[in-house]
Amino acid sequence: MVVRRAIPTEPAVRGSASLFLTEAARQGVRADRRMLYVGPEPAPAHVAEALRVEPGTEVIARRKLLLAEGVPVRVATSFLRLDLFGGTALSRPGFLTPSLQAAIEALGHRFGRAEEYLIARPATGTEAETLELGAGEWVVQILRTSYSADDTPIHALETVCAASRHVFPITQVSGADEF
């Protein structure tokens, strides 16, 4: 099973109820998702840097497993600053309707920009187990940090993708390309 994860993500897809479900449907893939965890946890160093908090600072984590044709392909974790979103719908279990983006905007935050970084690396033990990877398989870790219009880091999305189950089409923004 191979799925696509476009970079950057088309705005209509990113703003949908589920980026993964929308992408999979466009590819003709039967997709599913399972919420694994919603709650506070210490921010890993790379997430803390992205959210401009100290490493180990409690943040809200929203972790889900994404499956294509019943095969686990990604673990996606949204990290949100507790000082901005504690006690809101974003800190409660379950999927958000109509979307995470809508819930963030409903709290008065407007999107300004985003940065995405990709790292290919060996899977950790937990990642290999969750994604049902064989020994020595690699993952591609994508960290997308979204900033509000006033440049406050609002959301860090870490997606750990089974490398052997993904293709990453990368499209240059129209009008900003050169030969």
Protein backbone atom coordinates (compact mmCIF):
# COMPACT_ATOMS: atom_id res chain seq x y z
CA MET A 1 0.00 0.00 0.00
CA VAL A 2 1.48 3.34 -1.07
CA VAL A 3 -0.20 6.68 -0.41
CA ARG A 4 0.72 10.23 -1.35
CA ARG A 5 1.43 13.08 1.06
CA ALA A 6 1.62 16.33 -0.94
CA ILE A 7 4.04 19.06 0.17
CA PRO A 8 2.90 21.73 0.52
CA THR A 9 -0.64 20.59 1.12
CA GLU A 10 -3.29 22.18 -1.06
CA PRO A 11 -5.29 24.67 1.10
CA ALA A 12 -8.64 23.00 0.35
CA VAL A 13 -7.22 19.68 1.57
CA ARG A 14 -5.51 21.17 4.63
CA GLY A 15 -8.75 22.90 5.64
CA SER A 16 -10.87 19.77 5.24
CA ALA A 17 -12.21 17.74 8.15
CA SER A 18 -9.26 15.35 7.72
CA LEU A 19 -6.24 15.97 5.51
CA PHE A 20 -5.53 12.23 5.38
CA LEU A 21 -9.09 11.10 4.62
CA THR A 22 -9.41 13.74 1.89
CA GLU A 23 -6.04 12.85 0.32
CA ALA A 24 -6.83 9.13 0.44
CA ALA A 25 -10.26 9.59 -1.14
CA ARG A 26 -8.68 11.52 -4.02
CA GLN A 27 -6.32 8.55 -4.51
CA GLY A 28 -9.12 5.97 -4.41
CA VAL A 29 -7.81 4.51 -1.15
CA ARG A 30 -10.06 3.27 1.66
CA ALA A 31 -8.82 5.19 4.69
CA ASP A 32 -9.47 5.12 8.40
CA ARG A 33 -8.12 6.86 11.48
CA ARG A 34 -7.98 6.05 15.17
CA MET A 35 -7.38 8.51 17.94
CA LEU A 36 -4.59 7.11 20.10
CA TYR A 37 -4.23 9.87 22.72
CA VAL A 38 -5.40 13.37 23.60
CA GLY A 39 -3.92 15.08 26.63
CA PRO A 40 -0.95 16.86 28.10
CA GLU A 41 2.59 15.64 27.60
CA PRO A 42 6.07 17.16 27.80
CA ALA A 43 7.15 18.79 24.54
CA PRO A 44 10.08 17.01 22.87
CA ALA A 45 12.96 19.38 22.07
CA HIS A 46 12.13 19.78 18.35
CA VAL A 47 8.46 20.50 19.11
CA ALA A 48 9.36 22.89 21.94
CA GLU A 49 11.63 24.81 19.58
CA ALA A 50 8.87 25.01 16.97
CA LEU A 51 6.29 26.23 19.51
CA ARG A 52 8.81 28.56 21.21
CA VAL A 53 8.50 26.94 24.63
CA GLU A 54 11.10 25.28 26.84
CA PRO A 55 11.75 21.57 26.20
CA GLY A 56 9.65 19.50 28.59
CA THR A 57 6.94 22.18 28.86
CA GLU A 58 3.51 20.55 28.97
CA VAL A 59 1.67 20.86 25.66
CA ILE A 60 -1.55 19.32 24.39
CA ALA A 61 -0.90 16.28 22.20
CA ARG A 62 -3.56 14.93 19.84
CA ARG A 63 -2.15 11.65 18.41
CA LYS A 64 -3.87 9.51 15.81
CA LEU A 65 -3.04 6.46 13.71
CA LEU A 66 -3.87 6.68 10.01
CA LEU A 67 -4.60 3.54 8.00
CA ALA A 68 -4.90 2.92 4.26
CA GLU A 69 -6.74 -0.25 3.21
CA GLY A 70 -6.34 -1.40 6.83
CA VAL A 71 -2.55 -0.92 6.80
CA PRO A 72 -1.05 1.59 9.27
CA VAL A 73 0.80 4.23 7.26
CA ARG A 74 1.21 7.28 9.53
CA VAL A 75 1.12 8.49 13.09
CA ALA A 76 0.10 12.15 13.18
CA THR A 77 0.43 14.19 16.36
CA SER A 78 -0.83 17.74 16.72
CA PHE A 79 0.98 19.66 19.44
CA LEU A 80 -0.71 22.78 20.78
CA ARG A 81 0.44 25.23 23.39
CA LEU A 82 -1.32 24.63 26.69
CA ASP A 83 -1.23 28.34 27.52
CA LEU A 84 -3.32 29.06 24.41
CA PHE A 85 -5.58 26.00 24.20
CA GLY A 86 -5.83 24.42 27.66
CA GLY A 87 -9.45 23.97 28.76
CA THR A 88 -10.78 24.31 25.19
CA ALA A 89 -12.29 21.72 22.84
CA LEU A 90 -8.79 21.13 21.50
CA SER A 91 -7.73 19.59 24.81
CA ARG A 92 -10.65 17.14 24.97
CA PRO A 93 -10.63 13.57 23.57
CA GLY A 94 -12.11 12.74 20.20
CA PHE A 95 -12.01 14.16 16.72
CA LEU A 96 -12.94 17.81 16.25
CA THR A 97 -15.81 18.88 14.03
CA PRO A 98 -15.81 20.34 11.57
CA SER A 99 -11.96 20.43 11.81
CA LEU A 100 -8.94 21.27 13.95
CA GLN A 101 -8.37 24.37 11.82
CA ALA A 102 -11.92 25.56 12.42
CA ALA A 103 -11.54 25.02 16.18
CA ILE A 104 -8.33 27.08 16.21
CA GLU A 105 -9.94 29.87 14.19
CA ALA A 106 -13.04 29.84 16.44
CA LEU A 107 -10.70 30.81 19.28
CA GLY A 108 -9.62 33.93 17.38
CA HIS A 109 -6.39 32.76 15.74
CA ARG A 110 -5.83 33.56 12.05
CA PHE A 111 -3.36 31.64 9.90
CA GLY A 112 -0.27 33.56 8.82
CA ARG A 113 2.29 31.08 7.49
CA ALA A 114 3.70 27.58 7.90
CA GLU A 115 7.04 25.83 7.66
CA GLU A 116 7.56 22.12 6.97
CA TYR A 117 10.69 20.06 7.58
CA LEU A 118 11.22 16.46 6.45
CA ILE A 119 13.68 14.07 8.03
CA ALA A 120 14.28 10.49 6.89
CA ARG A 121 15.49 8.27 9.72
CA PRO A 122 15.25 4.77 11.17
CA ALA A 123 12.00 4.11 13.02
CA THR A 124 12.06 4.05 16.81
CA GLY A 125 10.85 0.89 18.52
CA THR A 126 7.46 2.40 19.30
CA GLU A 127 7.05 3.74 15.74
CA ALA A 128 8.00 0.37 14.23
CA GLU A 129 5.49 -1.40 16.48
CA THR A 130 2.66 1.08 15.87
CA LEU A 131 3.22 1.19 12.09
CA GLU A 132 3.87 -2.57 11.91
CA LEU A 133 7.27 -2.06 10.25
CA GLY A 134 9.86 -4.73 9.64
CA ALA A 135 13.33 -4.61 11.18
CA GLY A 136 15.45 -1.79 9.78
CA GLU A 137 12.59 0.04 8.05
CA TRP A 138 12.76 3.81 7.94
CA VAL A 139 10.24 6.58 8.47
CA VAL A 140 9.90 10.09 7.13
CA GLN A 141 9.15 12.57 9.89
CA ILE A 142 7.44 15.77 8.80
CA LEU A 143 7.17 18.66 11.22
CA ARG A 144 4.81 21.38 10.05
CA THR A 145 4.61 24.44 12.28
CA SER A 146 1.78 26.89 11.67
CA TYR A 147 2.00 30.48 12.84
CA SER A 148 -0.80 32.96 13.37
CA ALA A 149 -0.98 36.24 11.49
CA ASP A 150 0.94 37.87 14.38
CA ASP A 151 3.71 35.18 14.08
CA THR A 152 2.72 33.24 17.21
CA PRO A 153 3.42 29.51 16.79
CA ILE A 154 -0.03 27.95 17.13
CA HIS A 155 0.21 24.34 15.96
CA ALA A 156 3.01 21.86 15.37
CA LEU A 157 1.97 18.79 13.43
CA GLU A 158 4.44 15.91 13.54
CA THR A 159 3.63 13.20 11.04
CA VAL A 160 5.69 10.02 11.12
CA CYS A 161 5.19 8.17 7.84
CA ALA A 162 6.22 4.63 6.99
CA ALA A 163 8.76 5.50 4.28
CA SER A 164 8.05 2.40 2.19
CA ARG A 165 4.34 3.27 2.09
CA HIS A 166 4.58 6.88 0.91
CA VAL A 167 5.34 9.06 -2.08
CA PHE A 168 5.84 12.79 -1.42
CA PRO A 169 4.92 14.96 -4.42
CA ILE A 170 6.40 18.42 -3.94
CA THR A 171 4.84 21.28 -5.87
CA GLN A 172 6.24 24.78 -6.12
CA VAL A 173 3.76 27.56 -5.42
CA SER A 174 2.39 28.97 -8.67
CA GLY A 175 4.01 32.22 -9.78
CA ALA A 176 7.08 31.68 -7.57
CA ASP A 177 8.91 29.20 -9.80
CA GLU A 178 11.98 29.75 -11.98
CA PHE A 179 13.73 27.53 -14.54
